[in-house]
Amino acid sequence: MKKQRDLALSVIFVLIALPAVALAQANINGVLYVGGTIRAWGIGDIGTQINNAYAAWPATGGTISVIPQASGACYNFSTPIQFATVGKYAILQGLGPGTSTNRSPSFLPNI
């Protein structure tokens, strides 16, 4: 129990001290992140970024998460999103405003 508490406190410290570190990466645990401050997939509209992330996946596909804009506004885009490769499956998920900051780690146990 003490180890779990110490681990939780360490994670909380890292999340508070370095809130932008995790989401500054384009690939975290096999999930590709687009939008927000992620520039790995280009700086075009969000449709282009999603298509570029999809193209980077191996033949089996994977998950793409869209980080909200800092302003909380919706994304406007003109590039059609195309998941057209047979057998290359994609899960496209959007993160809501507030989930892109690590200030409220609700996944941690109560201490």
C-alpha atoms as a PDB file:
ATOM      1  CA  MET A   1       0.000   0.000   0.000  1.00  0.00           C
ATOM      2  CA  LYS A   2       2.849   2.393   0.828  1.00  0.00           C
ATOM      3  CA  LYS A   3       4.499   1.633  -2.530  1.00  0.00           C
ATOM      4  CA  GLN A   4       1.251   2.440  -4.359  1.00  0.00           C
ATOM      5  CA  ARG A   5       0.901   5.696  -2.417  1.00  0.00           C
ATOM      6  CA  ASP A   6       4.520   6.659  -3.122  1.00  0.00           C
ATOM      7  CA  LEU A   7       4.099   5.824  -6.802  1.00  0.00           C
ATOM      8  CA  ALA A   8       0.881   7.853  -6.988  1.00  0.00           C
ATOM      9  CA  LEU A   9       2.579  10.828  -5.330  1.00  0.00           C
ATOM     10  CA  SER A  10       5.494  10.569  -7.754  1.00  0.00           C
ATOM     11  CA  VAL A  11       3.137  10.493 -10.736  1.00  0.00           C
ATOM     12  CA  ILE A  12       1.201  13.476  -9.398  1.00  0.00           C
ATOM     13  CA  PHE A  13       4.440  15.412  -8.935  1.00  0.00           C
ATOM     14  CA  VAL A  14       5.553  14.687 -12.487  1.00  0.00           C
ATOM     15  CA  LEU A  15       2.154  15.601 -13.905  1.00  0.00           C
ATOM     16  CA  ILE A  16       2.063  18.884 -12.000  1.00  0.00           C
ATOM     17  CA  ALA A  17       5.708  19.813 -12.562  1.00  0.00           C
ATOM     18  CA  LEU A  18       5.822  18.849 -16.231  1.00  0.00           C
ATOM     19  CA  PRO A  19       2.235  19.124 -17.569  1.00  0.00           C
ATOM     20  CA  ALA A  20       3.217  19.592 -21.216  1.00  0.00           C
ATOM     21  CA  VAL A  21       5.738  16.762 -21.437  1.00  0.00           C
ATOM     22  CA  ALA A  22       3.339  13.895 -22.130  1.00  0.00           C
ATOM     23  CA  LEU A  23       1.218  15.609 -24.763  1.00  0.00           C
ATOM     24  CA  ALA A  24       4.175  17.207 -26.514  1.00  0.00           C
ATOM     25  CA  GLN A  25       4.810  13.779 -28.025  1.00  0.00           C
ATOM     26  CA  ALA A  26       3.020  12.529 -31.120  1.00  0.00           C
ATOM     27  CA  ASN A  27       3.059   8.843 -30.104  1.00  0.00           C
ATOM     28  CA  ILE A  28       2.315   7.786 -26.536  1.00  0.00           C
ATOM     29  CA  ASN A  29       1.833   4.071 -25.829  1.00  0.00           C
ATOM     30  CA  GLY A  30       0.901   3.366 -29.420  1.00  0.00           C
ATOM     31  CA  VAL A  31      -1.721   6.121 -29.715  1.00  0.00           C
ATOM     32  CA  LEU A  32      -0.952   8.819 -32.281  1.00  0.00           C
ATOM     33  CA  TYR A  33      -1.919  12.350 -31.216  1.00  0.00           C
ATOM     34  CA  VAL A  34      -2.812  15.112 -33.660  1.00  0.00           C
ATOM     35  CA  GLY A  35      -3.846  18.736 -33.249  1.00  0.00           C
ATOM     36  CA  GLY A  36      -3.065  21.044 -30.361  1.00  0.00           C
ATOM     37  CA  THR A  37       0.683  21.687 -30.242  1.00  0.00           C
ATOM     38  CA  ILE A  38       1.612  18.429 -32.018  1.00  0.00           C
ATOM     39  CA  ARG A  39       3.490  19.221 -35.231  1.00  0.00           C
ATOM     40  CA  ALA A  40       4.697  15.723 -36.202  1.00  0.00           C
ATOM     41  CA  TRP A  41       1.891  15.312 -38.745  1.00  0.00           C
ATOM     42  CA  GLY A  42       2.220  18.730 -40.380  1.00  0.00           C
ATOM     43  CA  ILE A  43       0.729  22.101 -39.640  1.00  0.00           C
ATOM     44  CA  GLY A  44      -2.100  21.918 -42.160  1.00  0.00           C
ATOM     45  CA  ASP A  45      -5.718  21.552 -41.202  1.00  0.00           C
ATOM     46  CA  ILE A  46      -6.736  18.754 -38.847  1.00  0.00           C
ATOM     47  CA  GLY A  47      -7.922  16.575 -41.749  1.00  0.00           C
ATOM     48  CA  THR A  48      -4.405  16.601 -43.198  1.00  0.00           C
ATOM     49  CA  GLN A  49      -2.858  15.835 -39.817  1.00  0.00           C
ATOM     50  CA  ILE A  50      -5.217  12.888 -39.256  1.00  0.00           C
ATOM     51  CA  ASN A  51      -4.500  11.509 -42.750  1.00  0.00           C
ATOM     52  CA  ASN A  52      -0.739  11.828 -42.176  1.00  0.00           C
ATOM     53  CA  ALA A  53      -0.983  10.033 -38.814  1.00  0.00           C
ATOM     54  CA  TYR A  54      -3.055   7.262 -40.428  1.00  0.00           C
ATOM     55  CA  ALA A  55      -0.436   6.857 -43.171  1.00  0.00           C
ATOM     56  CA  ALA A  56       2.263   6.437 -40.483  1.00  0.00           C
ATOM     57  CA  TRP A  57       0.485   3.443 -38.910  1.00  0.00           C
ATOM     58  CA  PRO A  58       1.593  -0.093 -39.762  1.00  0.00           C
ATOM     59  CA  ALA A  59      -0.642  -2.192 -42.023  1.00  0.00           C
ATOM     60  CA  THR A  60      -2.945  -3.193 -39.149  1.00  0.00           C
ATOM     61  CA  GLY A  61      -3.839   0.390 -38.143  1.00  0.00           C
ATOM     62  CA  GLY A  62      -4.323   1.857 -34.673  1.00  0.00           C
ATOM     63  CA  THR A  63      -5.768   4.722 -32.623  1.00  0.00           C
ATOM     64  CA  ILE A  64      -5.573   8.445 -33.383  1.00  0.00           C
ATOM     65  CA  SER A  65      -6.558  10.969 -30.700  1.00  0.00           C
ATOM     66  CA  VAL A  66      -7.373  14.573 -31.545  1.00  0.00           C
ATOM     67  CA  ILE A  67      -6.139  17.044 -28.932  1.00  0.00           C
ATOM     68  CA  PRO A  68      -8.433  20.061 -28.515  1.00  0.00           C
ATOM     69  CA  GLN A  69      -7.303  23.508 -29.520  1.00  0.00           C
ATOM     70  CA  ALA A  70      -5.975  25.646 -26.662  1.00  0.00           C
ATOM     71  CA  SER A  71      -8.910  28.015 -27.139  1.00  0.00           C
ATOM     72  CA  GLY A  72     -11.414  25.160 -26.828  1.00  0.00           C
ATOM     73  CA  ALA A  73     -12.785  26.008 -30.278  1.00  0.00           C
ATOM     74  CA  CYS A  74     -13.813  23.356 -32.790  1.00  0.00           C
ATOM     75  CA  TYR A  75     -11.511  22.459 -35.672  1.00  0.00           C
ATOM     76  CA  ASN A  76     -12.524  23.662 -39.128  1.00  0.00           C
ATOM     77  CA  PHE A  77     -11.002  21.718 -41.991  1.00  0.00           C
ATOM     78  CA  SER A  78     -11.444  21.158 -45.691  1.00  0.00           C
ATOM     79  CA  THR A  79      -9.266  18.078 -46.240  1.00  0.00           C
ATOM     80  CA  PRO A  80     -11.435  14.934 -46.228  1.00  0.00           C
ATOM     81  CA  ILE A  81     -10.363  12.319 -43.684  1.00  0.00           C
ATOM     82  CA  GLN A  82      -9.750   9.062 -45.514  1.00  0.00           C
ATOM     83  CA  PHE A  83      -9.217   5.715 -43.854  1.00  0.00           C
ATOM     84  CA  ALA A  84      -9.261   3.818 -47.134  1.00  0.00           C
ATOM     85  CA  THR A  85      -6.622   1.076 -46.853  1.00  0.00           C
ATOM     86  CA  VAL A  86      -8.290  -2.348 -46.748  1.00  0.00           C
ATOM     87  CA  GLY A  87      -7.491  -4.129 -43.458  1.00  0.00           C
ATOM     88  CA  LYS A  88      -5.882  -1.016 -41.912  1.00  0.00           C
ATOM     89  CA  TYR A  89      -8.349  -0.195 -39.166  1.00  0.00           C
ATOM     90  CA  ALA A  90      -8.475   3.115 -37.340  1.00  0.00           C
ATOM     91  CA  ILE A  91     -10.054   4.341 -34.151  1.00  0.00           C
ATOM     92  CA  LEU A  92     -10.441   8.115 -34.231  1.00  0.00           C
ATOM     93  CA  GLN A  93     -11.206   9.668 -30.866  1.00  0.00           C
ATOM     94  CA  GLY A  94     -11.517  13.257 -29.763  1.00  0.00           C
ATOM     95  CA  LEU A  95     -10.335  14.523 -26.406  1.00  0.00           C
ATOM     96  CA  GLY A  96     -12.493  17.128 -24.712  1.00  0.00           C
ATOM     97  CA  PRO A  97     -11.199  20.470 -23.473  1.00  0.00           C
ATOM     98  CA  GLY A  98      -9.502  20.002 -20.127  1.00  0.00           C
ATOM     99  CA  THR A  99      -8.271  16.492 -20.913  1.00  0.00           C
ATOM    100  CA  SER A 100      -5.164  17.801 -22.623  1.00  0.00           C
ATOM    101  CA  THR A 101      -3.829  19.250 -19.397  1.00  0.00           C
ATOM    102  CA  ASN A 102      -2.542  16.964 -16.724  1.00  0.00           C
ATOM    103  CA  ARG A 103      -3.683  19.064 -13.791  1.00  0.00           C
ATOM    104  CA  SER A 104      -6.488  16.782 -12.698  1.00  0.00           C
ATOM    105  CA  PRO A 105      -5.279  13.188 -12.869  1.00  0.00           C
ATOM    106  CA  SER A 106      -8.583  11.449 -12.069  1.00  0.00           C
ATOM    107  CA  PHE A 107      -7.124   8.042 -12.929  1.00  0.00           C
ATOM    108  CA  LEU A 108      -5.013   7.984  -9.767  1.00  0.00           C
ATOM    109  CA  PRO A 109      -6.302   6.293  -6.614  1.00  0.00           C
ATOM    110  CA  ASN A 110      -7.417   8.395  -3.687  1.00  0.00           C
ATOM    111  CA  ILE A 111      -4.586   8.967  -1.241  1.00  0.00           C
END
